[in-house]
Amino acid sequence: MKDSSSSSSIRLGGAVISDRIVAALLEELRTGCYAEADRLPAEVDLAAQLGVSRTVIRDALSEMERAGYIERVRGIGTVVNRTVLNLRSRLDQKLEYYPLIRSFGSYPHADGIQIYPIRAGAELARDLAIAPGDEVICIKKRILADTTPVIYSIDYLPRALFGSRDYTRIDLSGGVFDILEQECSQQISSNVAHLKASCGDEAIRAAMRLAPGEAMLLLDEICFNRLCHPVMRSLSYYTNFFDFSILRKLL
């Protein structure tokens, strides 16, 4: 479909057009027509192939360059970094539990789901930019890879995100990013994460079947929407089932 606007901020089904082009190009680089390529075609050729404007292509390539998949070098073109392209679990990118576990060849599913309201204390209120005492929905769940517990997650969502709707009638057992987008019209665009080793409390350790002295990696995150407003506080405890990578761009 030809893009009729020069703006990449057009939204289709909640996704920016350039985001869809990024996803399409990454798929082609991994398994499609560019799977063996060390460079991408020129912008004008990509625009013609994908049926969008050069502005959309330029925005998509800028995003891919920020993520480290490519480098655009004057006089040479768009060079592909296949090492970065093949990384499957990057801590510097949004982590969605189910695709992450599938990338390790395992079947993801959740159990032990608990959903209940709490009142925000001073710290949680500050993190979510709400008033102390405001209602917050707490979602706890254990994520398994096949039969092995690999993640314990605790997510805090401001009750106000659901408006006047009765949240108890909404399925909150799925992926929290999907819940925010589909039920609250909130798309996560960035987060601030603190990483630390954690033993977890007794309940978490029992749920995760940890050996004595075994620690987990805790990601303590505040997630922001496209208007830079915090919409979720998340605590994710990862076992050593995972092997994470971080891309550090120096330029």
Protein backbone atom coordinates (compact mmCIF):
# COMPACT_ATOMS: atom_id res chain seq x y z
CA MET A 1 0.00 0.00 0.00
CA LYS A 2 1.43 3.32 -1.06
CA ASP A 3 2.02 5.80 1.76
CA SER A 4 0.02 8.94 0.97
CA SER A 5 1.74 11.14 3.53
CA SER A 6 5.30 12.23 4.14
CA SER A 7 4.84 11.89 7.90
CA SER A 8 5.98 8.71 9.62
CA SER A 9 3.69 9.45 12.54
CA ILE A 10 0.69 7.98 10.69
CA ARG A 11 -0.70 5.12 12.77
CA LEU A 12 -2.25 1.91 11.50
CA GLY A 13 -3.74 -0.35 14.16
CA GLY A 14 -1.60 1.27 16.85
CA ALA A 15 1.70 0.83 15.01
CA VAL A 16 3.66 3.59 13.32
CA ILE A 17 4.21 2.80 9.63
CA SER A 18 7.99 3.07 9.98
CA ASP A 19 7.83 0.49 12.82
CA ARG A 20 6.16 -1.95 10.44
CA ILE A 21 8.82 -1.29 7.83
CA VAL A 22 11.52 -1.98 10.43
CA ALA A 23 9.87 -5.30 11.27
CA ALA A 24 9.58 -6.18 7.57
CA LEU A 25 13.22 -5.33 6.86
CA LEU A 26 14.47 -7.31 9.86
CA GLU A 27 12.49 -10.33 8.68
CA GLU A 28 13.96 -10.00 5.18
CA LEU A 29 17.47 -9.64 6.63
CA ARG A 30 17.09 -12.74 8.79
CA THR A 31 15.21 -15.16 6.56
CA GLY A 32 14.11 -13.34 3.41
CA CYS A 33 15.57 -11.83 0.27
CA TYR A 34 18.38 -10.03 2.14
CA ALA A 35 19.41 -13.02 4.26
CA GLU A 36 22.82 -13.20 2.58
CA ALA A 37 23.29 -9.50 1.98
CA ASP A 38 25.97 -7.44 3.69
CA ARG A 39 24.29 -4.19 2.58
CA LEU A 40 20.76 -2.97 1.99
CA PRO A 41 19.64 -1.35 -1.28
CA ALA A 42 19.43 2.42 -1.66
CA GLU A 43 16.53 4.26 -0.01
CA VAL A 44 14.77 4.92 -3.31
CA ASP A 45 14.88 1.21 -4.20
CA LEU A 46 13.62 0.13 -0.77
CA ALA A 47 10.79 2.66 -1.01
CA ALA A 48 9.72 1.24 -4.37
CA GLN A 49 9.96 -2.38 -3.18
CA LEU A 50 7.97 -1.77 0.01
CA GLY A 51 5.46 0.71 -1.43
CA VAL A 52 6.10 3.57 0.99
CA SER A 53 7.68 7.00 0.80
CA ARG A 54 11.40 7.64 1.13
CA THR A 55 10.62 9.56 4.34
CA VAL A 56 9.20 6.39 5.90
CA ILE A 57 12.23 4.39 4.71
CA ARG A 58 14.58 7.03 6.12
CA ASP A 59 12.82 6.93 9.49
CA ALA A 60 12.91 3.11 9.53
CA LEU A 61 16.62 3.01 8.70
CA SER A 62 17.33 5.60 11.40
CA GLU A 63 15.58 3.37 13.94
CA MET A 64 17.51 0.32 12.74
CA GLU A 65 20.78 2.25 12.99
CA ARG A 66 19.97 3.35 16.57
CA ALA A 67 19.32 -0.31 17.40
CA GLY A 68 22.69 -1.32 15.91
CA TYR A 69 21.37 -3.53 13.10
CA ILE A 70 22.88 -1.35 10.39
CA GLU A 71 25.32 1.49 9.90
CA ARG A 72 24.86 4.07 7.15
CA VAL A 73 28.30 5.05 5.86
CA ARG A 74 28.71 7.90 3.41
CA GLY A 75 30.10 6.68 0.08
CA ILE A 76 29.52 3.02 0.99
CA GLY A 77 25.82 2.64 1.80
CA THR A 78 23.79 0.82 4.44
CA VAL A 79 25.96 -1.89 6.00
CA VAL A 80 24.40 -4.80 7.92
CA ASN A 81 25.78 -5.91 11.31
CA ARG A 82 24.84 -9.59 11.33
CA THR A 83 26.23 -10.22 14.81
CA VAL A 84 23.77 -7.71 16.28
CA LEU A 85 21.02 -8.94 13.97
CA ASN A 86 21.33 -12.47 15.38
CA LEU A 87 21.23 -11.49 19.07
CA ARG A 88 18.04 -12.96 20.50
CA SER A 89 17.75 -11.54 24.04
CA ARG A 90 18.88 -7.92 24.34
CA LEU A 91 18.42 -6.09 27.62
CA ASP A 92 18.65 -2.75 25.80
CA GLN A 93 15.40 -3.52 23.95
CA LYS A 94 11.84 -4.17 25.07
CA LEU A 95 11.59 -7.72 26.42
CA GLU A 96 8.36 -9.58 25.82
CA TYR A 97 8.38 -12.81 27.78
CA TYR A 98 6.70 -15.19 25.35
CA PRO A 99 8.69 -14.35 22.17
CA LEU A 100 11.87 -14.35 24.27
CA ILE A 101 11.20 -17.86 25.60
CA ARG A 102 10.22 -19.12 22.14
CA SER A 103 13.57 -17.87 20.83
CA PHE A 104 15.19 -20.40 23.17
CA GLY A 105 13.11 -23.19 21.62
CA SER A 106 10.72 -23.60 24.56
CA TYR A 107 6.96 -23.28 25.04
CA PRO A 108 6.01 -20.26 27.20
CA HIS A 109 3.00 -20.14 29.50
CA ALA A 110 1.97 -18.57 32.80
CA ASP A 111 0.49 -19.84 36.03
CA GLY A 112 -0.02 -18.67 39.60
CA ILE A 113 -1.64 -15.48 38.33
CA GLN A 114 -2.77 -13.04 41.03
CA ILE A 115 -4.58 -9.78 40.25
CA TYR A 116 -5.65 -7.39 42.99
CA PRO A 117 -5.87 -3.66 43.81
CA ILE A 118 -3.54 -1.84 46.17
CA ARG A 119 -3.09 1.77 47.26
CA ALA A 120 0.05 3.49 46.03
CA GLY A 121 2.62 4.29 48.67
CA ALA A 122 4.93 7.28 48.32
CA GLU A 123 7.56 5.47 46.22
CA LEU A 124 5.12 3.81 43.80
CA ALA A 125 3.16 7.05 43.47
CA ARG A 126 6.34 8.91 42.56
CA ASP A 127 7.33 6.26 39.99
CA LEU A 128 3.90 6.31 38.32
CA ALA A 129 3.34 10.08 38.64
CA ILE A 130 0.13 9.56 40.61
CA ALA A 131 -0.98 10.69 44.06
CA PRO A 132 -0.20 8.61 47.16
CA GLY A 133 -3.24 6.52 47.96
CA ASP A 134 -4.39 6.25 44.32
CA GLU A 135 -5.54 2.79 43.32
CA VAL A 136 -3.08 0.59 41.44
CA ILE A 137 -3.68 -2.82 39.88
CA CYS A 138 -1.02 -5.38 40.86
CA ILE A 139 -0.51 -8.36 38.53
CA LYS A 140 1.72 -11.21 39.67
CA LYS A 141 2.51 -14.29 37.60
CA ARG A 142 5.04 -17.05 37.13
CA ILE A 143 6.28 -17.65 33.57
CA LEU A 144 7.46 -21.12 32.58
CA ALA A 145 9.50 -22.42 29.65
CA ASP A 146 7.92 -25.83 29.09
CA THR A 147 7.81 -27.04 32.73
CA THR A 148 10.67 -24.90 34.10
CA PRO A 149 9.92 -21.64 35.98
CA VAL A 150 12.08 -18.94 34.38
CA ILE A 151 10.50 -15.54 35.21
CA TYR A 152 8.50 -14.15 38.11
CA SER A 153 6.85 -10.85 37.26
CA ILE A 154 5.09 -8.19 39.31
CA ASP A 155 3.47 -5.36 37.34
CA TYR A 156 1.81 -2.25 38.74
CA LEU A 157 -0.69 -0.40 36.52
CA PRO A 158 -2.53 2.78 37.58
CA ARG A 159 -6.22 1.99 37.94
CA ALA A 160 -7.01 5.24 36.10
CA LEU A 161 -5.68 3.73 32.85
CA PHE A 162 -8.86 1.64 32.65
CA GLY A 163 -11.18 4.63 33.08
CA SER A 164 -14.62 3.72 34.38
CA ARG A 165 -14.36 0.12 33.15
CA ASP A 166 -14.54 -2.78 35.58
CA TYR A 167 -11.03 -4.21 35.35
CA THR A 168 -12.20 -7.49 36.92
CA ARG A 169 -14.10 -8.18 33.70
CA ILE A 170 -10.97 -7.70 31.57
CA ASP A 171 -8.54 -10.53 30.85
CA LEU A 172 -5.33 -9.32 32.49
CA SER A 173 -3.57 -12.68 32.36
CA GLY A 174 -1.79 -12.11 29.03
CA GLY A 175 1.26 -10.09 28.07
CA VAL A 176 1.28 -6.76 29.89
CA PHE A 177 2.40 -4.80 26.81
CA ASP A 178 -0.59 -6.18 24.93
CA ILE A 179 -2.88 -5.33 27.85
CA LEU A 180 -1.66 -1.74 27.90
CA GLU A 181 -2.07 -1.32 24.15
CA GLN A 182 -5.35 -3.16 23.65
CA GLU A 183 -7.17 -2.30 26.87
CA CYS A 184 -5.67 1.07 27.81
CA SER A 185 -4.56 2.50 24.41
CA GLN A 186 -1.06 2.92 25.81
CA GLN A 187 1.97 1.97 23.73
CA ILE A 188 5.24 1.56 25.63
CA SER A 189 8.00 3.47 23.87
CA SER A 190 10.78 3.47 26.47
CA ASN A 191 11.68 2.36 29.95
CA VAL A 192 14.24 3.03 32.63
CA ALA A 193 15.58 -0.20 34.08
CA HIS A 194 17.75 -0.90 37.10
CA LEU A 195 19.54 -4.26 37.09
CA LYS A 196 20.61 -6.06 40.22
CA ALA A 197 21.13 -9.53 41.61
CA SER A 198 18.27 -10.62 43.87
CA CYS A 199 17.48 -13.67 45.94
CA GLY A 200 13.77 -12.75 46.07
CA ASP A 201 11.53 -13.32 49.07
CA GLU A 202 10.54 -16.77 50.30
CA ALA A 203 7.34 -16.89 48.23
CA ILE A 204 9.16 -16.04 45.01
CA ARG A 205 11.99 -18.48 45.73
CA ALA A 206 9.51 -21.28 46.36
CA ALA A 207 7.57 -20.48 43.19
CA MET A 208 10.77 -20.42 41.13
CA ARG A 209 12.15 -23.64 42.71
CA LEU A 210 15.51 -22.03 43.41
CA ALA A 211 18.39 -23.93 44.95
CA PRO A 212 19.85 -22.62 48.23
CA GLY A 213 22.01 -19.59 47.50
CA GLU A 214 20.81 -19.30 43.89
CA ALA A 215 20.17 -15.70 42.83
CA MET A 216 18.15 -14.18 40.02
CA LEU A 217 18.55 -11.13 37.80
CA LEU A 218 16.03 -8.46 38.78
CA LEU A 219 14.93 -5.86 36.24
CA ASP A 220 13.22 -3.03 38.10
CA GLU A 221 11.61 -0.89 35.39
CA ILE A 222 9.45 2.15 34.92
CA CYS A 223 7.76 2.11 31.51
CA PHE A 224 6.78 5.25 29.60
CA ASN A 225 4.29 5.88 26.80
CA ARG A 226 4.94 8.02 23.71
CA LEU A 227 4.05 11.15 25.68
CA CYS A 228 6.84 10.31 28.15
CA HIS A 229 4.37 9.60 30.94
CA PRO A 230 4.98 6.59 33.23
CA VAL A 231 2.27 3.94 32.83
CA MET A 232 3.77 0.90 34.57
CA ARG A 233 6.23 -0.15 37.24
CA SER A 234 7.53 -3.67 36.64
CA LEU A 235 9.66 -6.08 38.65
CA SER A 236 10.90 -9.05 36.61
CA TYR A 237 12.98 -11.81 38.21
CA TYR A 238 14.91 -13.88 35.65
CA THR A 239 16.63 -17.20 36.36
CA ASN A 240 19.88 -18.31 34.72
CA PHE A 241 17.80 -19.94 31.95
CA PHE A 242 18.52 -16.77 29.96
CA ASP A 243 21.70 -15.43 28.36
CA PHE A 244 21.25 -11.69 27.88
CA SER A 245 23.16 -9.26 25.66
CA ILE A 246 23.48 -5.46 25.70
CA LEU A 247 24.44 -3.40 22.67
CA ARG A 248 26.62 -0.39 23.50
CA LYS A 249 26.91 2.11 20.65
CA LEU A 250 29.93 4.36 20.93
CA LEU A 251 29.07 6.93 18.25
